[in-house]
Amino acid sequence: MFKERKSKDLAYYLNLPYIISIQSYPDGGYFAEVKELPGCMTEADTKEELWEMIEEAKKIWIETALEEKVKIPEPEKRT
């Protein structure tokens, strides 16, 4: 039997398939944002740095929302 989770924690949200949008700047560098998490974005010089930084930004965004008891949007189920 599976145990139902009483509350959704950081690990739960970090494992959801959020949509990450990436744009490159004409003069170099990259911008990324998590579409479902308003204000969750970052910039970096390389794609490698960008992936690390957006994952860190997502983690901090979710941690802060959990601490402040703010509703955390979940990605829409995709089929």
PDB file of N, CA and C in Angstrom:
ATOM      1  N   MET A   1       0.838  -1.190   0.000  1.00  0.00           N
ATOM      2  CA  MET A   1       0.000   0.000   0.000  1.00  0.00           C
ATOM      3  C   MET A   1       0.878   1.247   0.000  1.00  0.00           C
ATOM      4  N   PHE A   2       0.409   2.243  -0.718  1.00  0.00           N
ATOM      5  CA  PHE A   2       1.105   3.524  -0.743  1.00  0.00           C
ATOM      6  C   PHE A   2       0.571   4.405   0.368  1.00  0.00           C
ATOM      7  N   LYS A   3       1.482   5.092   1.029  1.00  0.00           N
ATOM      8  CA  LYS A   3       1.076   6.057   2.045  1.00  0.00           C
ATOM      9  C   LYS A   3       0.772   7.371   1.350  1.00  0.00           C
ATOM     10  N   GLU A   4      -0.334   7.983   1.697  1.00  0.00           N
ATOM     11  CA  GLU A   4      -0.653   9.283   1.133  1.00  0.00           C
ATOM     12  C   GLU A   4       0.121  10.340   1.908  1.00  0.00           C
ATOM     13  N   ARG A   5       0.700  11.261   1.185  1.00  0.00           N
ATOM     14  CA  ARG A   5       1.469  12.339   1.790  1.00  0.00           C
ATOM     15  C   ARG A   5       0.523  13.304   2.495  1.00  0.00           C
ATOM     16  N   LYS A   6       0.832  13.628   3.753  1.00  0.00           N
ATOM     17  CA  LYS A   6      -0.004  14.578   4.488  1.00  0.00           C
ATOM     18  C   LYS A   6       0.219  15.991   3.990  1.00  0.00           C
ATOM     19  N   SER A   7       1.467  16.347   3.772  1.00  0.00           N
ATOM     20  CA  SER A   7       1.746  17.683   3.257  1.00  0.00           C
ATOM     21  C   SER A   7       2.795  17.572   2.167  1.00  0.00           C
ATOM     22  N   LYS A   8       2.746  18.500   1.262  1.00  0.00           N
ATOM     23  CA  LYS A   8       3.693  18.515   0.156  1.00  0.00           C
ATOM     24  C   LYS A   8       4.929  19.283   0.603  1.00  0.00           C
ATOM     25  N   ASP A   9       6.079  18.629   0.525  1.00  0.00           N
ATOM     26  CA  ASP A   9       7.317  19.232   1.003  1.00  0.00           C
ATOM     27  C   ASP A   9       8.209  19.646  -0.166  1.00  0.00           C
ATOM     28  N   LEU A  10       9.379  20.154   0.167  1.00  0.00           N
ATOM     29  CA  LEU A  10      10.322  20.639  -0.830  1.00  0.00           C
ATOM     30  C   LEU A  10      10.644  19.562  -1.861  1.00  0.00           C
ATOM     31  N   ALA A  11      10.933  18.356  -1.412  1.00  0.00           N
ATOM     32  CA  ALA A  11      11.279  17.271  -2.337  1.00  0.00           C
ATOM     33  C   ALA A  11      10.141  16.993  -3.314  1.00  0.00           C
ATOM     34  N   TYR A  12       8.913  17.048  -2.827  1.00  0.00           N
ATOM     35  CA  TYR A  12       7.758  16.827  -3.697  1.00  0.00           C
ATOM     36  C   TYR A  12       7.763  17.836  -4.837  1.00  0.00           C
ATOM     37  N   TYR A  13       7.871  19.117  -4.510  1.00  0.00           N
ATOM     38  CA  TYR A  13       7.818  20.162  -5.528  1.00  0.00           C
ATOM     39  C   TYR A  13       9.025  20.123  -6.461  1.00  0.00           C
ATOM     40  N   LEU A  14      10.207  19.814  -5.937  1.00  0.00           N
ATOM     41  CA  LEU A  14      11.402  19.780  -6.773  1.00  0.00           C
ATOM     42  C   LEU A  14      11.355  18.653  -7.806  1.00  0.00           C
ATOM     43  N   ASN A  15      10.549  17.649  -7.549  1.00  0.00           N
ATOM     44  CA  ASN A  15      10.433  16.529  -8.484  1.00  0.00           C
ATOM     45  C   ASN A  15       9.325  16.707  -9.516  1.00  0.00           C
ATOM     46  N   LEU A  16       8.604  17.812  -9.461  1.00  0.00           N
ATOM     47  CA  LEU A  16       7.554  18.061 -10.444  1.00  0.00           C
ATOM     48  C   LEU A  16       8.167  18.561 -11.757  1.00  0.00           C
ATOM     49  N   PRO A  17       7.521  18.260 -12.873  1.00  0.00           N
ATOM     50  CA  PRO A  17       8.067  18.653 -14.188  1.00  0.00           C
ATOM     51  C   PRO A  17       7.705  20.080 -14.587  1.00  0.00           C
ATOM     52  N   TYR A  18       8.278  21.044 -13.886  1.00  0.00           N
ATOM     53  CA  TYR A  18       8.036  22.444 -14.213  1.00  0.00           C
ATOM     54  C   TYR A  18       8.620  22.769 -15.588  1.00  0.00           C
ATOM     55  N   ILE A  19       7.982  23.715 -16.284  1.00  0.00           N
ATOM     56  CA  ILE A  19       8.464  24.140 -17.596  1.00  0.00           C
ATOM     57  C   ILE A  19       9.496  25.250 -17.401  1.00  0.00           C
ATOM     58  N   ILE A  20      10.683  25.027 -17.947  1.00  0.00           N
ATOM     59  CA  ILE A  20      11.751  26.019 -17.875  1.00  0.00           C
ATOM     60  C   ILE A  20      11.967  26.575 -19.278  1.00  0.00           C
ATOM     61  N   SER A  21      11.816  27.879 -19.395  1.00  0.00           N
ATOM     62  CA  SER A  21      11.996  28.570 -20.670  1.00  0.00           C
ATOM     63  C   SER A  21      13.385  29.196 -20.689  1.00  0.00           C
ATOM     64  N   ILE A  22      14.098  28.976 -21.797  1.00  0.00           N
ATOM     65  CA  ILE A  22      15.461  29.509 -21.932  1.00  0.00           C
ATOM     66  C   ILE A  22      15.530  30.388 -23.170  1.00  0.00           C
ATOM     67  N   GLN A  23      16.157  31.535 -23.003  1.00  0.00           N
ATOM     68  CA  GLN A  23      16.394  32.435 -24.129  1.00  0.00           C
ATOM     69  C   GLN A  23      17.872  32.805 -24.141  1.00  0.00           C
ATOM     70  N   SER A  24      18.413  32.956 -25.336  1.00  0.00           N
ATOM     71  CA  SER A  24      19.803  33.424 -25.433  1.00  0.00           C
ATOM     72  C   SER A  24      19.784  34.888 -25.851  1.00  0.00           C
ATOM     73  N   TYR A  25      20.728  35.626 -25.326  1.00  0.00           N
ATOM     74  CA  TYR A  25      20.864  37.037 -25.675  1.00  0.00           C
ATOM     75  C   TYR A  25      21.751  37.154 -26.920  1.00  0.00           C
ATOM     76  N   PRO A  26      21.442  38.098 -27.805  1.00  0.00           N
ATOM     77  CA  PRO A  26      22.243  38.268 -29.024  1.00  0.00           C
ATOM     78  C   PRO A  26      23.723  38.543 -28.742  1.00  0.00           C
ATOM     79  N   ASP A  27      24.011  39.248 -27.650  1.00  0.00           N
ATOM     80  CA  ASP A  27      25.400  39.585 -27.326  1.00  0.00           C
ATOM     81  C   ASP A  27      26.052  38.573 -26.385  1.00  0.00           C
ATOM     82  N   GLY A  28      25.420  37.433 -26.183  1.00  0.00           N
ATOM     83  CA  GLY A  28      25.955  36.374 -25.318  1.00  0.00           C
ATOM     84  C   GLY A  28      25.206  36.288 -24.009  1.00  0.00           C
ATOM     85  N   GLY A  29      25.244  35.141 -23.411  1.00  0.00           N
ATOM     86  CA  GLY A  29      24.562  34.914 -22.151  1.00  0.00           C
ATOM     87  C   GLY A  29      23.161  34.360 -22.362  1.00  0.00           C
ATOM     88  N   TYR A  30      22.572  33.932 -21.261  1.00  0.00           N
ATOM     89  CA  TYR A  30      21.276  33.262 -21.306  1.00  0.00           C
ATOM     90  C   TYR A  30      20.371  33.730 -20.173  1.00  0.00           C
ATOM     91  N   PHE A  31      19.078  33.582 -20.409  1.00  0.00           N
ATOM     92  CA  PHE A  31      18.040  33.906 -19.430  1.00  0.00           C
ATOM     93  C   PHE A  31      17.146  32.681 -19.305  1.00  0.00           C
ATOM     94  N   ALA A  32      16.758  32.344 -18.079  1.00  0.00           N
ATOM     95  CA  ALA A  32      15.846  31.219 -17.862  1.00  0.00           C
ATOM     96  C   ALA A  32      14.803  31.610 -16.835  1.00  0.00           C
ATOM     97  N   GLU A  33      13.600  31.051 -17.013  1.00  0.00           N
ATOM     98  CA  GLU A  33      12.542  31.243 -16.029  1.00  0.00           C
ATOM     99  C   GLU A  33      11.716  29.982 -15.917  1.00  0.00           C
ATOM    100  N   VAL A  34      11.175  29.771 -14.715  1.00  0.00           N
ATOM    101  CA  VAL A  34      10.245  28.674 -14.489  1.00  0.00           C
ATOM    102  C   VAL A  34       8.860  29.252 -14.723  1.00  0.00           C
ATOM    103  N   LYS A  35       8.199  28.781 -15.774  1.00  0.00           N
ATOM    104  CA  LYS A  35       6.937  29.372 -16.223  1.00  0.00           C
ATOM    105  C   LYS A  35       5.866  29.409 -15.134  1.00  0.00           C
ATOM    106  N   GLU A  36       5.745  28.368 -14.346  1.00  0.00           N
ATOM    107  CA  GLU A  36       4.667  28.281 -13.361  1.00  0.00           C
ATOM    108  C   GLU A  36       4.953  29.016 -12.056  1.00  0.00           C
ATOM    109  N   LEU A  37       6.196  29.433 -11.841  1.00  0.00           N
ATOM    110  CA  LEU A  37       6.575  30.076 -10.582  1.00  0.00           C
ATOM    111  C   LEU A  37       6.901  31.549 -10.840  1.00  0.00           C
ATOM    112  N   PRO A  38       5.954  32.447 -10.612  1.00  0.00           N
ATOM    113  CA  PRO A  38       6.141  33.869 -10.926  1.00  0.00           C
ATOM    114  C   PRO A  38       7.394  34.460 -10.262  1.00  0.00           C
ATOM    115  N   GLY A  39       8.232  35.063 -11.089  1.00  0.00           N
ATOM    116  CA  GLY A  39       9.437  35.703 -10.568  1.00  0.00           C
ATOM    117  C   GLY A  39      10.618  34.774 -10.396  1.00  0.00           C
ATOM    118  N   CYS A  40      10.457  33.501 -10.714  1.00  0.00           N
ATOM    119  CA  CYS A  40      11.556  32.535 -10.577  1.00  0.00           C
ATOM    120  C   CYS A  40      12.351  32.544 -11.876  1.00  0.00           C
ATOM    121  N   MET A  41      13.463  33.276 -11.860  1.00  0.00           N
ATOM    122  CA  MET A  41      14.263  33.449 -13.076  1.00  0.00           C
ATOM    123  C   MET A  41      15.713  33.700 -12.715  1.00  0.00           C
ATOM    124  N   THR A  42      16.576  33.588 -13.722  1.00  0.00           N
ATOM    125  CA  THR A  42      17.996  33.842 -13.524  1.00  0.00           C
ATOM    126  C   THR A  42      18.661  34.105 -14.871  1.00  0.00           C
ATOM    127  N   GLU A  43      19.901  34.567 -14.812  1.00  0.00           N
ATOM    128  CA  GLU A  43      20.722  34.788 -16.003  1.00  0.00           C
ATOM    129  C   GLU A  43      22.095  34.174 -15.760  1.00  0.00           C
ATOM    130  N   ALA A  44      22.755  33.785 -16.867  1.00  0.00           N
ATOM    131  CA  ALA A  44      24.103  33.219 -16.750  1.00  0.00           C
ATOM    132  C   ALA A  44      24.837  33.406 -18.068  1.00  0.00           C
ATOM    133  N   ASP A  45      26.146  33.226 -18.003  1.00  0.00           N
ATOM    134  CA  ASP A  45      26.979  33.364 -19.192  1.00  0.00           C
ATOM    135  C   ASP A  45      26.951  32.121 -20.079  1.00  0.00           C
ATOM    136  N   THR A  46      26.807  30.933 -19.459  1.00  0.00           N
ATOM    137  CA  THR A  46      26.800  29.683 -20.221  1.00  0.00           C
ATOM    138  C   THR A  46      25.553  28.872 -19.886  1.00  0.00           C
ATOM    139  N   LYS A  47      25.212  27.934 -20.774  1.00  0.00           N
ATOM    140  CA  LYS A  47      24.056  27.070 -20.509  1.00  0.00           C
ATOM    141  C   LYS A  47      24.292  26.190 -19.283  1.00  0.00           C
ATOM    142  N   GLU A  48      25.528  25.747 -19.098  1.00  0.00           N
ATOM    143  CA  GLU A  48      25.847  24.907 -17.943  1.00  0.00           C
ATOM    144  C   GLU A  48      25.566  25.655 -16.641  1.00  0.00           C
ATOM    145  N   GLU A  49      26.039  26.904 -16.576  1.00  0.00           N
ATOM    146  CA  GLU A  49      25.777  27.733 -15.386  1.00  0.00           C
ATOM    147  C   GLU A  49      24.279  27.995 -15.239  1.00  0.00           C
ATOM    148  N   LEU A  50      23.625  28.213 -16.369  1.00  0.00           N
ATOM    149  CA  LEU A  50      22.198  28.530 -16.350  1.00  0.00           C
ATOM    150  C   LEU A  50      21.384  27.414 -15.715  1.00  0.00           C
ATOM    151  N   TRP A  51      21.672  26.164 -16.086  1.00  0.00           N
ATOM    152  CA  TRP A  51      20.909  25.035 -15.519  1.00  0.00           C
ATOM    153  C   TRP A  51      21.106  24.945 -14.007  1.00  0.00           C
ATOM    154  N   GLU A  52      22.337  25.111 -13.554  1.00  0.00           N
ATOM    155  CA  GLU A  52      22.602  25.074 -12.110  1.00  0.00           C
ATOM    156  C   GLU A  52      21.872  26.212 -11.398  1.00  0.00           C
ATOM    157  N   MET A  53      21.931  27.397 -11.996  1.00  0.00           N
ATOM    158  CA  MET A  53      21.349  28.574 -11.354  1.00  0.00           C
ATOM    159  C   MET A  53      19.819  28.542 -11.339  1.00  0.00           C
ATOM    160  N   ILE A  54      19.184  28.027 -12.406  1.00  0.00           N
ATOM    161  CA  ILE A  54      17.722  27.986 -12.402  1.00  0.00           C
ATOM    162  C   ILE A  54      17.226  26.924 -11.425  1.00  0.00           C
ATOM    163  N   GLU A  55      17.951  25.832 -11.284  1.00  0.00           N
ATOM    164  CA  GLU A  55      17.566  24.815 -10.297  1.00  0.00           C
ATOM    165  C   GLU A  55      17.690  25.381  -8.880  1.00  0.00           C
ATOM    166  N   GLU A  56      18.734  26.160  -8.637  1.00  0.00           N
ATOM    167  CA  GLU A  56      18.907  26.791  -7.324  1.00  0.00           C
ATOM    168  C   GLU A  56      17.809  27.835  -7.088  1.00  0.00           C
ATOM    169  N   ALA A  57      17.494  28.618  -8.119  1.00  0.00           N
ATOM    170  CA  ALA A  57      16.430  29.629  -7.999  1.00  0.00           C
ATOM    171  C   ALA A  57      15.089  28.959  -7.709  1.00  0.00           C
ATOM    172  N   LYS A  58      14.820  27.838  -8.382  1.00  0.00           N
ATOM    173  CA  LYS A  58      13.570  27.100  -8.159  1.00  0.00           C
ATOM    174  C   LYS A  58      13.502  26.595  -6.712  1.00  0.00           C
ATOM    175  N   LYS A  59      14.606  26.051  -6.237  1.00  0.00           N
ATOM    176  CA  LYS A  59      14.653  25.543  -4.858  1.00  0.00           C
ATOM    177  C   LYS A  59      14.397  26.667  -3.856  1.00  0.00           C
ATOM    178  N   ILE A  60      15.047  27.805  -4.034  1.00  0.00           N
ATOM    179  CA  ILE A  60      14.878  28.938  -3.118  1.00  0.00           C
ATOM    180  C   ILE A  60      13.449  29.473  -3.190  1.00  0.00           C
ATOM    181  N   TRP A  61      12.886  29.557  -4.397  1.00  0.00           N
ATOM    182  CA  TRP A  61      11.512  30.036  -4.579  1.00  0.00           C
ATOM    183  C   TRP A  61      10.544  29.148  -3.796  1.00  0.00           C
ATOM    184  N   ILE A  62      10.692  27.842  -3.960  1.00  0.00           N
ATOM    185  CA  ILE A  62       9.785  26.895  -3.297  1.00  0.00           C
ATOM    186  C   ILE A  62       9.993  26.911  -1.786  1.00  0.00           C
ATOM    187  N   GLU A  63      11.243  26.925  -1.328  1.00  0.00           N
ATOM    188  CA  GLU A  63      11.518  26.986   0.113  1.00  0.00           C
ATOM    189  C   GLU A  63      10.866  28.214   0.737  1.00  0.00           C
ATOM    190  N   THR A  64      11.014  29.350   0.079  1.00  0.00           N
ATOM    191  CA  THR A  64      10.433  30.590   0.594  1.00  0.00           C
ATOM    192  C   THR A  64       8.909  30.502   0.634  1.00  0.00           C
ATOM    193  N   ALA A  65       8.315  29.979  -0.422  1.00  0.00           N
ATOM    194  CA  ALA A  65       6.855  29.831  -0.460  1.00  0.00           C
ATOM    195  C   ALA A  65       6.362  28.901   0.651  1.00  0.00           C
ATOM    196  N   LEU A  66       7.079  27.821   0.893  1.00  0.00           N
ATOM    197  CA  LEU A  66       6.694  26.895   1.967  1.00  0.00           C
ATOM    198  C   LEU A  66       6.787  27.585   3.328  1.00  0.00           C
ATOM    199  N   GLU A  67       7.870  28.334   3.553  1.00  0.00           N
ATOM    200  CA  GLU A  67       8.057  29.030   4.826  1.00  0.00           C
ATOM    201  C   GLU A  67       6.971  30.076   5.059  1.00  0.00           C
ATOM    202  N   GLU A  68       6.597  30.763   3.980  1.00  0.00           N
ATOM    203  CA  GLU A  68       5.610  31.841   4.100  1.00  0.00           C
ATOM    204  C   GLU A  68       4.176  31.372   3.865  1.00  0.00           C
ATOM    205  N   LYS A  69       4.033  30.050   3.691  1.00  0.00           N
ATOM    206  CA  LYS A  69       2.719  29.431   3.477  1.00  0.00           C
ATOM    207  C   LYS A  69       1.973  30.034   2.281  1.00  0.00           C
ATOM    208  N   VAL A  70       2.732  30.243   1.199  1.00  0.00           N
ATOM    209  CA  VAL A  70       2.181  30.752  -0.057  1.00  0.00           C
ATOM    210  C   VAL A  70       1.832  29.549  -0.932  1.00  0.00           C
ATOM    211  N   LYS A  71       0.703  29.623  -1.631  1.00  0.00           N
ATOM    212  CA  LYS A  71       0.303  28.540  -2.521  1.00  0.00           C
ATOM    213  C   LYS A  71       1.337  28.383  -3.632  1.00  0.00           C
ATOM    214  N   ILE A  72       1.779  27.168  -3.846  1.00  0.00           N
ATOM    215  CA  ILE A  72       2.781  26.888  -4.865  1.00  0.00           C
ATOM    216  C   ILE A  72       2.094  26.260  -6.075  1.00  0.00           C
ATOM    217  N   PRO A  73       2.169  26.939  -7.219  1.00  0.00           N
ATOM    218  CA  PRO A  73       1.543  26.380  -8.417  1.00  0.00           C
ATOM    219  C   PRO A  73       2.247  25.085  -8.837  1.00  0.00           C
ATOM    220  N   GLU A  74       1.460  24.140  -9.318  1.00  0.00           N
ATOM    221  CA  GLU A  74       2.027  22.911  -9.840  1.00  0.00           C
ATOM    222  C   GLU A  74       1.851  22.916 -11.360  1.00  0.00           C
ATOM    223  N   PRO A  75       2.754  22.235 -12.056  1.00  0.00           N
ATOM    224  CA  PRO A  75       2.623  22.177 -13.509  1.00  0.00           C
ATOM    225  C   PRO A  75       1.335  21.442 -13.904  1.00  0.00           C
ATOM    226  N   GLU A  76       0.774  21.845 -15.028  1.00  0.00           N
ATOM    227  CA  GLU A  76      -0.396  21.126 -15.525  1.00  0.00           C
ATOM    228  C   GLU A  76       0.041  19.741 -15.950  1.00  0.00           C
ATOM    229  N   LYS A  77      -0.842  18.790 -15.750  1.00  0.00           N
ATOM    230  CA  LYS A  77      -0.528  17.420 -16.184  1.00  0.00           C
ATOM    231  C   LYS A  77      -0.506  17.397 -17.710  1.00  0.00           C
ATOM    232  N   ARG A  78       0.574  16.861 -18.250  1.00  0.00           N
ATOM    233  CA  ARG A  78       0.722  16.757 -19.700  1.00  0.00           C
ATOM    234  C   ARG A  78       0.510  15.321 -20.120  1.00  0.00           C
ATOM    235  N   THR A  79      -0.149  15.145 -21.235  1.00  0.00           N
ATOM    236  CA  THR A  79      -0.382  13.770 -21.723  1.00  0.00           C
ATOM    237  C   THR A  79       0.373  13.485 -22.982  1.00  0.00           C
TER     238      THR A  79
END
